[in-house]
Protein backbone atom coordinates (compact mmCIF):
# COMPACT_ATOMS: atom_id res chain seq x y z
CA MET A 1 -44.50 114.88 -16.08
CA SER A 2 -42.97 113.07 -13.12
CA MET A 3 -42.29 109.35 -12.94
CA GLY A 4 -45.39 107.40 -12.01
CA ALA A 5 -47.76 110.22 -12.87
CA TYR A 6 -51.02 109.12 -14.46
CA ASP A 7 -51.18 109.94 -18.15
CA GLU A 8 -54.79 109.67 -19.28
CA GLU A 9 -53.95 110.18 -22.98
CA GLU A 10 -51.39 107.37 -22.91
CA HIS A 11 -53.88 105.10 -21.14
CA GLU A 12 -56.54 105.80 -23.76
CA ARG A 13 -54.04 105.28 -26.60
CA ARG A 14 -53.07 101.88 -25.20
CA GLU A 15 -56.72 100.92 -24.72
CA ARG A 16 -57.48 101.74 -28.37
CA LYS A 17 -54.42 99.82 -29.52
CA ASN A 18 -55.36 96.73 -27.46
CA SER A 19 -58.97 96.78 -28.61
CA GLU A 20 -58.12 96.73 -32.33
CA VAL A 21 -58.39 93.39 -34.12
CA ASP A 22 -55.79 92.53 -36.73
CA ALA A 23 -57.59 90.44 -39.37
CA ASP A 24 -54.98 90.92 -42.09
CA PHE A 25 -53.46 87.46 -41.63
CA ASP A 26 -54.29 84.48 -43.83
CA ASP A 27 -56.91 82.39 -42.05
CA GLU A 28 -56.42 79.26 -44.15
CA ARG A 29 -54.43 76.27 -42.96
CA THR A 30 -51.30 75.33 -44.84
CA ASN A 31 -51.31 71.77 -46.12
CA TYR A 32 -48.02 69.94 -46.32
CA HIS A 33 -47.55 66.85 -48.44
CA GLY A 34 -44.83 64.29 -47.95
CA LYS A 35 -43.76 61.60 -45.56
CA VAL A 36 -41.75 61.29 -42.39
CA GLU A 37 -39.66 58.28 -41.48
CA TYR A 38 -38.00 57.56 -38.15
CA ASP A 39 -35.04 55.24 -37.95
CA SER A 40 -33.38 54.95 -34.58
CA GLY A 41 -30.93 52.37 -35.92
CA GLU A 42 -31.37 50.17 -32.87
CA SER A 43 -33.84 47.47 -31.96
CA ALA A 44 -36.28 47.87 -29.10
CA GLU A 45 -34.35 45.27 -27.08
CA ASP A 46 -31.09 47.21 -27.51
CA LEU A 47 -32.80 50.39 -26.36
CA LEU A 48 -34.31 48.66 -23.32
CA ASP A 49 -30.91 47.22 -22.39
CA GLN A 50 -29.36 50.68 -22.69
CA PHE A 51 -32.15 52.15 -20.54
CA LYS A 52 -31.56 49.52 -17.84
CA GLU A 53 -27.81 50.27 -17.85
CA ILE A 54 -28.47 53.99 -17.43
CA ASN A 55 -30.85 53.41 -14.53
CA GLU A 56 -28.46 51.01 -12.77
CA GLY A 57 -25.41 53.23 -13.20
């Protein structure tokens, strides 16, 4: 078969493959328990001052 030639069997195989639905995966959500803490180590004023310096520079 030459390059670019139409292959009807391959087309049909791909159509069948694309039309199948894979329902083997777990449909339940995973629940995570715990807590998240954020600590930037700087106050809001320090961060604003740093932001102003960056914008001026």
